Each structure stands twice: as structure tokens, then as C-alpha cells.
Amino acid sequence: VQPVESGGGLVQAGDSLRLTCSPSGLTFSNYDVAWFRQVPGPGKDREFILVSSRSGGTTYSADSVQGRFTISRDNAKDTVYLQMDSLKPEDTAVYYCAAGEVHGSDYADEEEYLHWGQGTQVTVSS
């Protein structure tokens, strides 16, 4: 049981892209759902981007994407989206959707998320 990401691809700098995270056996309304990204290569950790809390009222954003990326939920479809605007080459990475029941406010801690998708590649050319 794991989320499924879709919507990645190759775009140019300045373009927009929307990623979709589908629950595939989970009920997202019961979970905090976050997006992480990882640049391939030795020693590259996954970077926390955004989270949509299960309460529906809290969203946190990493500094690197402030003002450009937004997260949203479609409760009717039980789906979470990552809208990415003004993309930059440094946004190139594999993007992962993760679901978990986060304790306190440790939303950026990977270990708080039990369910991870396989990832979708986003490549931004200059």
C-alpha cells in the first residue's frame, strides 16, 4: 500500500507543472501528506518541500520553494497535488509523495511518514 505520484516530466525554466499523488489503498484524509524531493547522487538526502496536514489547516513550506510551490487536497477525490510555478533548473529532482501520522510538528522528518510513493522525475532545462 503506497501512494502513487504522476505528472512529472521535462519542462523549461519558468514553466509550471502539477504533480498528483493518488492514495492507492490509503485514505488520505487520515494522514498528513507531504512532498519530498531528491537529487540523484552520492550523499544526496531527500529534501522536505511541503505538507498538507490531516487537519486540513496547516501547510508548511521549505524556504527553497517559498512563493513558487503550493500543496492542495481534493477531498472528493482523496488526492493531493503539488503545484510548481516558476520552475528553476535547481528544482530538477525525483519528487516523492509520503503519507504518515506526524507527531507534533515534525513534518520535515522522513521517519514520520510510513507510506512512500516510487517517485516521479521532474527535469527543468535552462
Protein backbone atom coordinates (compact mmCIF):
# COMPACT_ATOMS: atom_id res chain seq x y z
CA VAL A 1 0.00 0.00 0.00
CA GLN A 2 1.68 3.15 -1.17
CA PRO A 3 0.84 6.48 -2.74
CA VAL A 4 1.30 6.88 -6.49
CA GLU A 5 2.83 10.01 -7.98
CA SER A 6 2.23 11.25 -11.51
CA GLY A 7 2.71 14.37 -13.59
CA GLY A 8 6.48 14.63 -13.77
CA GLY A 9 8.32 15.44 -16.97
CA LEU A 10 10.73 17.70 -18.81
CA VAL A 11 9.97 21.43 -18.80
CA GLN A 12 11.82 24.67 -19.37
CA ALA A 13 12.84 27.17 -16.74
CA GLY A 14 9.91 29.41 -15.85
CA ASP A 15 7.30 26.79 -16.73
CA SER A 16 4.73 25.29 -14.38
CA LEU A 17 3.98 21.67 -13.55
CA ARG A 18 1.42 19.97 -11.35
CA LEU A 19 2.18 16.67 -9.65
CA THR A 20 -0.57 14.39 -8.43
CA CYS A 21 -0.43 11.98 -5.51
CA SER A 22 -3.12 9.30 -5.51
CA PRO A 23 -3.82 7.24 -2.38
CA SER A 24 -3.87 3.71 -3.88
CA GLY A 25 -5.25 1.83 -0.89
CA LEU A 26 -4.88 4.58 1.66
CA THR A 27 -7.38 7.14 2.83
CA PHE A 28 -5.52 10.43 2.67
CA SER A 29 -7.96 12.20 4.95
CA ASN A 30 -6.49 10.12 7.78
CA TYR A 31 -2.92 11.20 7.05
CA ASP A 32 -0.55 14.09 6.86
CA VAL A 33 0.62 14.08 3.23
CA ALA A 34 3.92 15.63 2.23
CA TRP A 35 6.11 16.09 -0.82
CA PHE A 36 9.85 15.50 -0.70
CA ARG A 37 12.42 15.62 -3.47
CA GLN A 38 15.83 14.07 -4.02
CA VAL A 39 18.61 14.86 -6.43
CA PRO A 40 20.30 11.62 -7.55
CA GLY A 41 23.87 11.11 -6.48
CA PRO A 42 26.01 10.01 -3.54
CA GLY A 43 25.20 11.69 -0.26
CA LYS A 44 22.11 13.45 -1.55
CA ASP A 45 19.39 13.44 1.11
CA ARG A 46 15.71 13.83 0.45
CA GLU A 47 14.56 17.41 0.92
CA PHE A 48 11.25 18.24 2.53
CA ILE A 49 9.11 20.58 0.42
CA LEU A 50 5.55 20.89 1.68
CA VAL A 51 2.99 19.12 3.81
CA SER A 52 -0.79 19.19 3.96
CA SER A 53 -1.78 18.15 7.46
CA ARG A 54 -4.67 15.78 8.11
CA SER A 55 -6.44 18.55 9.98
CA GLY A 56 -6.53 20.40 6.69
CA GLY A 57 -5.50 23.66 8.23
CA THR A 58 -1.72 23.60 8.23
CA THR A 59 0.75 23.73 5.36
CA TYR A 60 4.49 24.21 5.72
CA SER A 61 6.92 25.13 3.00
CA ALA A 62 10.67 24.73 2.74
CA ASP A 63 12.48 28.02 2.12
CA SER A 64 13.72 26.91 -1.30
CA VAL A 65 10.20 26.80 -2.74
CA GLN A 66 8.50 29.60 -0.84
CA GLY A 67 6.17 31.54 -3.08
CA ARG A 68 6.55 29.12 -6.02
CA PHE A 69 5.14 25.77 -4.86
CA THR A 70 1.76 25.11 -3.29
CA ILE A 71 0.07 21.99 -1.98
CA SER A 72 -3.63 21.27 -2.08
CA ARG A 73 -6.11 18.48 -1.45
CA ASP A 74 -9.17 17.42 -3.38
CA ASN A 75 -11.20 15.78 -0.65
CA ALA A 76 -13.78 14.42 -3.08
CA LYS A 77 -11.04 12.54 -4.96
CA ASP A 78 -8.90 12.00 -1.87
CA THR A 79 -5.95 13.27 -3.88
CA VAL A 80 -3.10 15.65 -3.09
CA TYR A 81 -1.46 17.97 -5.61
CA LEU A 82 1.82 19.83 -5.79
CA GLN A 83 1.61 22.90 -7.98
CA MET A 84 5.03 24.11 -9.06
CA ASP A 85 5.38 27.51 -10.70
CA SER A 86 8.39 29.47 -11.94
CA LEU A 87 10.44 26.31 -12.10
CA LYS A 88 14.22 26.56 -11.97
CA PRO A 89 16.92 24.12 -13.11
CA GLU A 90 17.78 23.53 -9.46
CA ASP A 91 14.29 22.11 -8.97
CA THR A 92 15.35 19.11 -11.04
CA ALA A 93 14.90 16.04 -8.85
CA VAL A 94 12.80 12.96 -8.20
CA TYR A 95 9.69 14.04 -6.33
CA TYR A 96 8.13 11.76 -3.73
CA CYS A 97 4.75 11.77 -2.05
CA ALA A 98 4.64 10.49 1.53
CA ALA A 99 1.80 9.85 3.97
CA GLY A 100 2.01 9.47 7.73
CA GLU A 101 0.61 10.42 11.10
CA VAL A 102 3.13 13.04 12.14
CA HIS A 103 3.77 13.54 15.83
CA GLY A 104 3.77 17.14 16.91
CA SER A 105 5.14 19.36 14.16
CA ASP A 106 8.00 17.21 12.83
CA TYR A 107 6.67 17.46 9.30
CA ALA A 108 10.12 17.60 7.70
CA ASP A 109 11.25 14.35 9.35
CA GLU A 110 11.17 11.50 6.83
CA GLU A 111 10.75 8.95 9.58
CA GLU A 112 7.33 10.37 10.42
CA TYR A 113 5.99 9.05 7.11
CA LEU A 114 5.16 5.36 6.81
CA HIS A 115 3.94 5.27 3.21
CA TRP A 116 6.09 6.44 0.29
CA GLY A 117 5.49 6.51 -3.44
CA GLN A 118 8.02 5.41 -6.06
CA GLY A 119 8.71 8.97 -7.15
CA THR A 120 8.30 10.93 -10.36
CA GLN A 121 11.13 12.65 -12.22
CA VAL A 122 10.99 16.39 -12.81
CA THR A 123 13.63 17.87 -15.09
CA VAL A 124 13.90 21.61 -15.66
CA SER A 125 16.10 22.77 -18.52
CA SER A 126 17.70 26.20 -18.60
